[in-house]
């Protein structure tokens, strides 16, 4: 296997953490009192998710009085910085939210616990679709349990559109029609206070780029980690919104910085936004408005949408846990328990456990019903024709480079399309692990 210098460094850093496991162990046992087990559980997300998790965990502790769960959360990028620090000291949480983009990296560094030994005992996976469950299996090890499914959606704010006198497009709209739609919004919202824009610049969203590649008939990554797309492909994608940026249609980065941690859509200053469908909860919470609707991605050049389902997130155990059985119990509870599921709803995606989904009671017109019906409709109408793109080791790092590093400079006009492409491909050579 050929591994780049930077990737070797990253693996070496993680290996230090894995070697430290035997020396340091987990700090989860430090708070044990009179035989009571303490577990650490961490996740990424906003306040809405945290409130749901805390309420569900309170139920778990009530049902398991000998287990105490210490919790923590952070925004997505900060979360992974924290986990990297944990890995170097051998103190990964007993249970943690895992993303498919990081699963291979953490697995290859020996940082995750194989949960196969708990299946059919502390951990019931029988209610999870086999293909979905397989997303957390690597070399016959069960390393991540999916919490649910999600897919990409265009969120729109009907109330804001109504104020501007604009109707959303039909579901079978194209990218060109989408551009015309957000241009109309920005023109109508120019006199509003604060000014209303159509949307943020979708070319700065890594997953929209991947979906666009799939629409061009390109599987982004090969099984050995090689890129299947070229510099010209990335250049073409970034250039699709040149006119929108020049005409002030897309949300200005300066205003986004002022609004941080909110964005254009969830501040009520943009009418639409591409995101994973389970974000309907946090968007509605931020806006204080449940009237948020979803529609599918624009169609590609062949008239098809080429959409795919993805495990919304997974739950994993740190290899250093001193309480693996109890950690497995916690994961099982969060995945399968109907009462916990009623609290969590679809915030973690449409439930992966069929039993929990069947037991979920949703109110007519609720956010949960909207998310579930959206996924059902895009599947029924034949939009879900693809499998989720492969996630080679280093996937998360190149996404960060795309969004957090180059995306910021590009949005501020500090680098050109050509600069972005050249630098991203150069960094990708260092960050992706190619066999």
Protein backbone atom coordinates (compact mmCIF):
# COMPACT_ATOMS: atom_id res chain seq x y z
CA UNK A 1 0.00 0.00 0.00
CA UNK A 2 1.28 3.46 -0.89
CA UNK A 3 0.65 6.04 1.81
CA UNK A 4 1.48 9.74 1.53
CA UNK A 5 3.82 11.47 3.97
CA UNK A 6 1.02 13.46 5.62
CA UNK A 7 -1.20 10.40 5.86
CA UNK A 8 1.61 8.46 7.49
CA UNK A 9 1.99 11.25 10.01
CA UNK A 10 -1.72 11.17 10.75
CA UNK A 11 -1.69 7.42 11.19
CA UNK A 12 1.39 7.62 13.37
CA UNK A 13 -0.34 10.16 15.58
CA UNK A 14 -3.36 7.92 15.91
CA UNK A 15 -1.12 4.93 16.56
CA UNK A 16 0.46 6.79 19.48
CA UNK A 17 -3.05 7.08 20.87
CA UNK A 18 -3.81 3.41 20.31
CA UNK A 19 -0.55 2.35 21.94
CA UNK A 20 -1.38 4.62 24.87
CA UNK A 21 -4.55 2.68 25.50
CA UNK A 22 -2.86 0.01 27.52
CA UNK A 23 -0.85 2.57 29.47
CA UNK A 24 -3.59 5.10 30.15
CA UNK A 25 -6.86 3.23 29.77
CA UNK A 26 -10.10 5.17 29.70
CA UNK A 27 -10.88 7.81 32.24
CA UNK A 28 -14.44 6.49 32.28
CA UNK A 29 -13.72 4.44 35.38
CA UNK A 30 -12.31 7.34 37.37
CA UNK A 31 -15.76 8.40 38.50
CA UNK A 32 -16.91 4.88 39.51
CA UNK A 33 -18.53 5.03 42.95
CA UNK A 34 -19.51 1.94 44.87
CA UNK A 35 -19.60 -0.23 41.76
CA UNK A 36 -21.43 2.36 39.66
CA UNK A 37 -20.06 2.50 36.12
CA UNK A 38 -19.40 5.85 34.46
CA UNK A 39 -19.51 6.12 30.67
CA UNK A 40 -18.44 9.05 28.53
CA UNK A 41 -20.66 9.79 25.54
CA UNK A 42 -19.96 12.57 23.02
CA UNK A 43 -21.61 13.82 19.84
CA UNK A 44 -21.58 16.71 17.40
CA UNK A 45 -24.60 18.90 16.82
CA UNK A 46 -26.51 21.93 17.99
CA UNK A 47 -28.55 22.58 21.13
CA UNK A 48 -31.66 20.90 19.71
CA UNK A 49 -29.86 17.56 19.37
CA UNK A 50 -28.29 17.88 22.79
CA UNK A 51 -31.65 18.44 24.47
CA UNK A 52 -32.98 15.29 22.83
CA UNK A 53 -29.95 13.20 23.75
CA UNK A 54 -29.95 14.40 27.36
CA UNK A 55 -33.60 13.51 27.78
CA UNK A 56 -33.05 10.05 26.27
CA UNK A 57 -29.98 9.44 28.43
CA UNK A 58 -31.96 10.35 31.54
CA UNK A 59 -34.33 7.49 30.64
CA UNK A 60 -31.38 5.13 30.15
CA UNK A 61 -29.93 6.01 33.55
CA UNK A 62 -33.34 5.52 35.15
CA UNK A 63 -33.56 2.04 33.61
CA UNK A 64 -29.90 1.31 34.45
CA UNK A 65 -29.28 2.85 37.90
CA UNK A 66 -25.78 1.33 38.06
CA UNK A 67 -24.62 3.35 35.03
CA UNK A 68 -23.90 7.07 34.96
CA UNK A 69 -23.43 8.75 31.57
CA UNK A 70 -21.24 11.85 31.28
CA UNK A 71 -22.03 13.80 28.11
CA UNK A 72 -20.40 16.37 25.89
CA UNK A 73 -20.91 17.83 22.42
CA UNK A 74 -19.39 20.28 19.95
CA UNK A 75 -19.83 21.60 16.43
CA UNK A 76 -18.72 19.16 13.72
CA UNK A 77 -15.16 20.37 13.07
CA UNK A 78 -14.43 21.08 16.75
CA UNK A 79 -15.74 17.64 17.60
CA UNK A 80 -13.15 15.89 15.44
CA UNK A 81 -10.35 18.08 16.79
CA UNK A 82 -11.35 16.96 20.28
CA UNK A 83 -11.46 13.30 19.27
CA UNK A 84 -7.97 13.57 17.74
CA UNK A 85 -6.73 14.89 21.07
CA UNK A 86 -8.50 12.02 22.87
CA UNK A 87 -6.89 9.49 20.51
CA UNK A 88 -3.35 10.65 21.25
CA UNK A 89 -3.90 10.14 24.99
CA UNK A 90 -5.83 6.87 24.74
CA UNK A 91 -8.95 8.51 26.16
CA UNK A 92 -11.56 8.26 23.45
CA UNK A 93 -15.13 8.30 24.81
CA UNK A 94 -16.73 4.96 25.63
CA UNK A 95 -19.49 5.83 23.13
CA UNK A 96 -19.21 8.48 20.45
CA UNK A 97 -20.99 9.64 17.36
CA UNK A 98 -19.07 8.46 14.29
CA UNK A 99 -19.26 9.68 10.72
CA UNK A 100 -18.71 7.47 7.69
CA UNK A 101 -16.05 9.93 6.52
CA UNK A 102 -13.88 9.12 9.58
CA UNK A 103 -14.70 5.44 10.14
CA UNK A 104 -11.88 3.95 8.05
CA UNK A 105 -9.28 6.31 9.49
CA UNK A 106 -10.19 5.42 13.08
CA UNK A 107 -10.47 1.72 12.24
CA UNK A 108 -7.05 1.49 10.58
CA UNK A 109 -5.49 3.19 13.59
CA UNK A 110 -6.98 0.57 15.91
CA UNK A 111 -9.07 3.13 17.81
CA UNK A 112 -12.50 1.47 17.69
CA UNK A 113 -13.96 -1.53 19.55
CA UNK A 114 -15.33 -4.44 17.54
CA UNK A 115 -18.93 -4.80 18.72
CA UNK A 116 -19.61 -8.20 17.14
CA UNK A 117 -19.28 -9.94 20.52
CA UNK A 118 -22.34 -8.08 21.83
CA UNK A 119 -24.68 -8.74 18.89
CA UNK A 120 -27.79 -10.69 19.99
CA UNK A 121 -26.85 -10.04 23.62
CA UNK A 122 -26.41 -6.44 24.80
CA UNK A 123 -26.82 -5.19 21.22
CA UNK A 124 -29.76 -6.01 18.94
CA UNK A 125 -29.04 -5.27 15.27
CA UNK A 126 -31.79 -7.48 13.85
CA UNK A 127 -34.07 -4.53 13.07
CA UNK A 128 -31.49 -2.71 10.91
CA UNK A 129 -31.38 -3.11 7.14
CA UNK A 130 -28.42 -5.34 6.25
CA UNK A 131 -26.97 -2.96 3.68
CA UNK A 132 -27.23 -0.05 6.11
CA UNK A 133 -25.63 -2.10 8.89
CA UNK A 134 -22.82 -3.13 6.54
CA UNK A 135 -21.77 0.52 6.26
CA UNK A 136 -20.27 0.15 9.74
CA UNK A 137 -18.47 -3.15 9.03
CA UNK A 138 -14.82 -3.25 7.99
CA UNK A 139 -12.92 -6.53 7.54
CA UNK A 140 -15.60 -8.45 9.46
CA UNK A 141 -15.48 -6.05 12.40
CA UNK A 142 -18.63 -4.21 13.49
CA UNK A 143 -17.34 -0.74 14.31
CA UNK A 144 -20.28 1.62 13.78
CA UNK A 145 -24.01 1.17 14.31
CA UNK A 146 -26.11 3.44 12.06
CA UNK A 147 -28.58 5.69 13.86
CA UNK A 148 -30.65 6.38 10.78
CA UNK A 149 -30.72 7.33 7.12
CA UNK A 150 -30.66 10.70 5.44
CA UNK A 151 -30.30 12.15 1.99
CA UNK A 152 -29.73 15.57 0.47
CA UNK A 153 -32.60 18.01 0.23
CA UNK A 154 -33.26 21.58 -0.74
CA UNK A 155 -34.79 23.24 2.32
CA UNK A 156 -37.03 26.20 1.68
CA UNK A 157 -38.87 28.71 3.85
CA UNK A 158 -42.45 29.02 2.51
CA UNK A 159 -43.26 32.01 4.72
CA UNK A 160 -40.27 33.98 3.46
CA UNK A 161 -41.01 33.04 -0.16
CA UNK A 162 -44.63 34.15 0.31
CA UNK A 163 -43.46 37.54 1.64
CA UNK A 164 -41.41 37.95 -1.54
CA UNK A 165 -44.24 36.71 -3.79
CA UNK A 166 -42.24 33.75 -5.15
CA UNK A 167 -43.28 30.14 -5.68
CA UNK A 168 -40.84 27.22 -5.31
CA UNK A 169 -40.07 25.21 -8.46
CA UNK A 170 -41.61 21.83 -9.25
CA UNK A 171 -39.74 18.77 -7.99
CA UNK A 172 -38.30 17.92 -11.42
CA UNK A 173 -36.38 21.17 -11.71
CA UNK A 174 -32.90 21.50 -13.25
CA UNK A 175 -29.76 23.30 -12.06
CA UNK A 176 -30.50 26.09 -14.51
CA UNK A 177 -34.00 26.48 -13.07
CA UNK A 178 -32.52 26.49 -9.58
CA UNK A 179 -30.18 29.35 -10.56
CA UNK A 180 -33.12 31.32 -11.97
CA UNK A 181 -35.12 30.61 -8.78
CA UNK A 182 -32.51 31.95 -6.35
CA UNK A 183 -31.79 34.91 -8.65
CA UNK A 184 -35.48 35.83 -8.47
CA UNK A 185 -35.38 35.56 -4.67
CA UNK A 186 -32.31 37.80 -4.36
CA UNK A 187 -33.79 40.42 -6.67
CA UNK A 188 -37.07 40.44 -4.74
CA UNK A 189 -35.27 40.52 -1.38
CA UNK A 190 -32.86 43.33 -2.27
CA UNK A 191 -35.07 45.93 -0.57
CA UNK A 192 -35.73 43.92 2.57
CA UNK A 193 -34.17 44.86 5.90
CA UNK A 194 -32.10 42.82 6.46
CA UNK A 195 -31.55 41.97 2.81
CA UNK A 196 -32.79 38.52 1.75
CA UNK A 197 -30.69 36.36 -0.57
CA UNK A 198 -31.58 33.25 -2.50
CA UNK A 199 -29.05 30.88 -0.94
CA UNK A 200 -25.43 30.40 0.02
CA UNK A 201 -23.00 29.32 -2.70
CA UNK A 202 -23.55 25.57 -3.09
CA UNK A 203 -20.14 25.06 -4.74
CA UNK A 204 -18.59 25.50 -1.30
CA UNK A 205 -20.41 22.38 -0.08
CA UNK A 206 -18.34 19.22 -0.50
CA UNK A 207 -21.31 16.85 -0.68
CA UNK A 208 -23.06 18.87 -3.35
CA UNK A 209 -19.88 18.52 -5.41
CA UNK A 210 -19.98 14.73 -4.91
CA UNK A 211 -23.65 14.57 -5.91
CA UNK A 212 -22.88 16.71 -8.97
CA UNK A 213 -20.07 14.31 -9.96
CA UNK A 214 -22.43 11.35 -9.68
CA UNK A 215 -24.87 13.20 -11.93
CA UNK A 216 -22.09 13.47 -14.51
CA UNK A 217 -21.63 9.69 -14.37
CA UNK A 218 -18.49 9.86 -12.20
CA UNK A 219 -18.06 7.73 -9.06
CA UNK A 220 -15.87 10.15 -7.04
CA UNK A 221 -13.45 7.61 -5.53
CA UNK A 222 -12.22 4.15 -6.47
CA UNK A 223 -12.02 1.33 -3.93
CA UNK A 224 -8.26 1.83 -3.60
CA UNK A 225 -8.76 5.50 -2.65
CA UNK A 226 -7.84 6.99 -6.03
CA UNK A 227 -9.79 10.00 -7.29
CA UNK A 228 -11.92 9.30 -10.36
CA UNK A 229 -12.42 12.99 -11.13
CA UNK A 230 -10.01 15.46 -12.67
CA UNK A 231 -8.96 19.03 -12.05
CA UNK A 232 -11.17 20.04 -14.97
CA UNK A 233 -14.17 18.40 -13.29
CA UNK A 234 -13.65 20.42 -10.11
CA UNK A 235 -12.96 23.58 -12.11
CA UNK A 236 -16.21 23.12 -14.07
CA UNK A 237 -18.23 22.64 -10.88
CA UNK A 238 -16.77 25.70 -9.12
CA UNK A 239 -17.44 27.80 -12.18
CA UNK A 240 -21.15 26.95 -12.31
CA UNK A 241 -21.95 29.80 -9.90
CA UNK A 242 -19.52 32.40 -11.31
CA UNK A 243 -22.36 34.59 -12.55
CA UNK A 244 -24.35 34.20 -9.34
CA UNK A 245 -21.39 35.31 -7.24
CA UNK A 246 -20.64 38.25 -9.53
CA UNK A 247 -24.27 39.40 -9.52
CA UNK A 248 -24.61 39.22 -5.72
CA UNK A 249 -27.18 36.43 -5.82
CA UNK A 250 -25.41 34.15 -3.32
CA UNK A 251 -25.08 35.00 0.35
CA UNK A 252 -22.01 37.19 1.08
CA UNK A 253 -19.30 35.64 3.25
CA UNK A 254 -18.93 38.87 5.23
CA UNK A 255 -22.54 38.63 6.39
CA UNK A 256 -22.13 34.93 7.20
CA UNK A 257 -19.23 35.81 9.50
CA UNK A 258 -21.42 38.37 11.25
CA UNK A 259 -24.21 35.83 11.73
CA UNK A 260 -21.98 32.97 12.91
CA UNK A 261 -22.86 30.45 14.37
CA UNK A 262 -26.07 30.82 12.35
CA UNK A 263 -26.02 30.66 8.57
CA UNK A 264 -27.99 32.41 5.88
CA UNK A 265 -30.99 30.06 5.91
CA UNK A 266 -31.42 29.49 9.65
CA UNK A 267 -31.05 33.23 10.31
CA UNK A 268 -34.01 33.90 8.03
CA UNK A 269 -31.90 35.91 5.56
CA UNK A 270 -31.77 33.25 2.82
CA UNK A 271 -34.85 31.48 1.49
CA UNK A 272 -33.34 28.10 0.55
CA UNK A 273 -30.41 25.86 1.49
CA UNK A 274 -29.02 22.44 0.51
CA UNK A 275 -28.41 20.11 3.46
CA UNK A 276 -29.05 16.60 4.82
CA UNK A 277 -32.75 16.12 5.45
CA UNK A 278 -32.40 15.48 9.21
CA UNK A 279 -31.32 19.12 9.66
CA UNK A 280 -34.99 20.07 9.51
CA UNK A 281 -35.06 19.96 13.33
CA UNK A 282 -32.17 22.32 13.97
CA UNK A 283 -33.28 24.68 11.18
CA UNK A 284 -36.81 24.91 12.59
CA UNK A 285 -35.42 25.38 16.10
CA UNK A 286 -33.07 28.18 15.02
CA UNK A 287 -35.80 29.95 13.04
CA UNK A 288 -38.47 29.42 15.68
CA UNK A 289 -40.66 28.27 12.80
CA UNK A 290 -41.81 24.72 11.99
CA UNK A 291 -42.96 25.69 8.51
CA UNK A 292 -39.82 24.42 6.78
CA UNK A 293 -40.26 22.28 3.68
CA UNK A 294 -38.01 19.93 1.67
CA UNK A 295 -37.63 19.11 -1.99
CA UNK A 296 -35.06 16.98 -3.86
CA UNK A 297 -31.84 17.98 -5.57
CA UNK A 298 -31.98 19.49 -9.07
CA UNK A 299 -31.81 17.00 -11.94
CA UNK A 300 -28.57 16.29 -13.79
CA UNK A 301 -27.88 16.53 -17.53
CA UNK A 302 -29.73 13.26 -18.23
CA UNK A 303 -32.85 14.46 -16.43
CA UNK A 304 -32.27 12.14 -13.46
CA UNK A 305 -31.41 13.20 -9.91
CA UNK A 306 -29.02 10.35 -9.03
CA UNK A 307 -29.65 10.71 -5.29
CA UNK A 308 -28.53 8.29 -2.58
CA UNK A 309 -29.24 7.38 1.02
CA UNK A 310 -26.42 7.65 3.55
CA UNK A 311 -26.17 6.54 7.16
CA UNK A 312 -26.89 9.86 8.86
CA UNK A 313 -24.33 9.00 11.53
CA UNK A 314 -23.14 6.02 13.51
CA UNK A 315 -22.45 5.17 17.12
CA UNK A 316 -19.04 3.64 17.92
CA UNK A 317 -17.11 2.56 20.99
CA UNK A 318 -13.57 3.69 21.78
CA UNK A 319 -11.17 0.73 21.82
CA UNK A 320 -9.93 1.96 25.20
CA UNK A 321 -13.29 1.58 26.95
CA UNK A 322 -13.11 -0.24 30.28
CA UNK A 323 -16.85 -0.92 30.20
CA UNK A 324 -17.63 -2.38 26.77
CA UNK A 325 -20.77 -4.27 27.81
CA UNK A 326 -22.35 -1.17 29.35
CA UNK A 327 -21.29 0.90 26.34
CA UNK A 328 -23.02 -1.62 24.08
CA UNK A 329 -26.13 -1.37 26.26
CA UNK A 330 -26.19 2.41 25.81
CA UNK A 331 -25.87 2.11 22.03
CA UNK A 332 -28.64 -0.50 21.92
CA UNK A 333 -30.90 1.77 23.97
CA UNK A 334 -30.33 4.79 21.73
CA UNK A 335 -30.85 2.73 18.56
CA UNK A 336 -33.77 0.51 19.55
CA UNK A 337 -35.70 1.78 22.57
CA UNK A 338 -39.13 3.09 21.44
CA UNK A 339 -39.37 5.67 24.21
CA UNK A 340 -35.90 7.01 23.47
CA UNK A 341 -36.83 6.99 19.80
CA UNK A 342 -39.90 9.09 20.49
CA UNK A 343 -37.66 11.71 22.13
CA UNK A 344 -34.96 11.67 19.45
CA UNK A 345 -37.44 11.55 16.57
CA UNK A 346 -35.69 11.98 13.22
CA UNK A 347 -32.96 14.34 14.46
CA UNK A 348 -30.41 11.55 13.89
CA UNK A 349 -31.99 10.63 10.57
CA UNK A 350 -35.03 8.49 9.79
CA UNK A 351 -34.53 5.66 12.36
CA UNK A 352 -32.33 2.79 11.16
CA UNK A 353 -34.14 0.35 13.43
CA UNK A 354 -37.37 -0.74 11.73
CA UNK A 355 -38.88 -1.55 15.11
CA UNK A 356 -38.16 1.93 16.41
CA UNK A 357 -39.46 3.50 13.20
CA UNK A 358 -42.68 1.48 13.41
CA UNK A 359 -43.14 2.53 17.04
CA UNK A 360 -42.51 6.21 16.30
CA UNK A 361 -45.68 8.22 16.82
CA UNK A 362 -45.62 11.32 14.67
CA UNK A 363 -48.12 14.14 14.71
CA UNK A 364 -49.80 15.21 11.51
CA UNK A 365 -47.69 17.93 9.91
CA UNK A 366 -44.79 17.47 12.36
CA UNK A 367 -41.12 17.76 11.42
CA UNK A 368 -40.69 14.02 12.00
CA UNK A 369 -43.53 13.21 9.60
CA UNK A 370 -42.08 15.61 7.03
CA UNK A 371 -38.64 14.00 7.10
CA UNK A 372 -40.02 10.45 6.92
CA UNK A 373 -42.44 11.28 4.10
CA UNK A 374 -39.72 13.12 2.18
CA UNK A 375 -37.46 10.07 2.17
CA UNK A 376 -40.36 7.83 1.24
CA UNK A 377 -41.42 10.08 -1.62
CA UNK A 378 -37.95 10.48 -3.19
CA UNK A 379 -37.62 6.70 -3.07
CA UNK A 380 -41.11 6.07 -4.47
CA UNK A 381 -40.55 8.53 -7.32
CA UNK A 382 -37.35 6.79 -8.40
CA UNK A 383 -34.84 9.49 -7.44
CA UNK A 384 -32.74 7.19 -5.22
CA UNK A 385 -30.77 5.39 -7.91
CA UNK A 386 -27.23 5.49 -6.49
CA UNK A 387 -25.27 4.13 -3.56
CA UNK A 388 -23.43 6.53 -1.27
CA UNK A 389 -19.98 7.42 -2.72
CA UNK A 390 -17.03 5.49 -1.31
CA UNK A 391 -15.23 7.06 1.66
CA UNK A 392 -11.48 6.37 1.35
CA UNK A 393 -9.20 6.97 4.29
CA UNK A 394 -8.52 10.70 4.42
CA UNK A 395 -12.02 11.55 3.14
CA UNK A 396 -12.79 13.70 6.18
CA UNK A 397 -9.49 15.56 5.88
CA UNK A 398 -9.99 16.48 2.21
CA UNK A 399 -13.54 17.60 2.99
CA UNK A 400 -12.18 19.90 5.69
CA UNK A 401 -9.58 21.26 3.27
CA UNK A 402 -12.31 21.91 0.71
CA UNK A 403 -14.80 23.58 3.04
CA UNK A 404 -12.89 25.11 5.95
CA UNK A 405 -9.60 26.13 4.37
CA UNK A 406 -9.92 26.79 0.65
CA UNK A 407 -13.63 27.52 0.80
CA UNK A 408 -13.11 30.43 3.16
CA UNK A 409 -10.32 31.96 1.08
CA UNK A 410 -12.29 31.47 -2.13
CA UNK A 411 -15.45 33.02 -0.69
CA UNK A 412 -13.47 36.11 0.29
CA UNK A 413 -12.08 36.38 -3.24
CA UNK A 414 -8.53 35.76 -2.04
CA UNK A 415 -7.97 32.88 -4.46
CA UNK A 416 -9.30 32.11 -7.94
CA UNK A 417 -11.01 28.96 -9.21
CA UNK A 418 -7.67 27.83 -10.65
CA UNK A 419 -5.91 28.46 -7.31
CA UNK A 420 -8.59 26.49 -5.46
CA UNK A 421 -8.30 23.53 -7.82
CA UNK A 422 -4.50 23.45 -7.84
CA UNK A 423 -4.19 23.67 -4.08
CA UNK A 424 -6.95 21.15 -3.30
CA UNK A 425 -5.47 18.53 -5.62
CA UNK A 426 -2.04 19.12 -4.13
CA UNK A 427 -3.35 18.66 -0.59
CA UNK A 428 -5.42 15.64 -1.59
CA UNK A 429 -2.22 13.89 -2.67
CA UNK A 430 -0.98 14.26 0.91
CA UNK A 431 -4.22 13.54 2.74
CA UNK A 432 -5.78 10.60 0.86
CA UNK A 433 -4.48 7.13 1.61
CA UNK A 434 -4.17 5.20 -1.66
CA UNK A 435 -3.55 1.46 -1.70
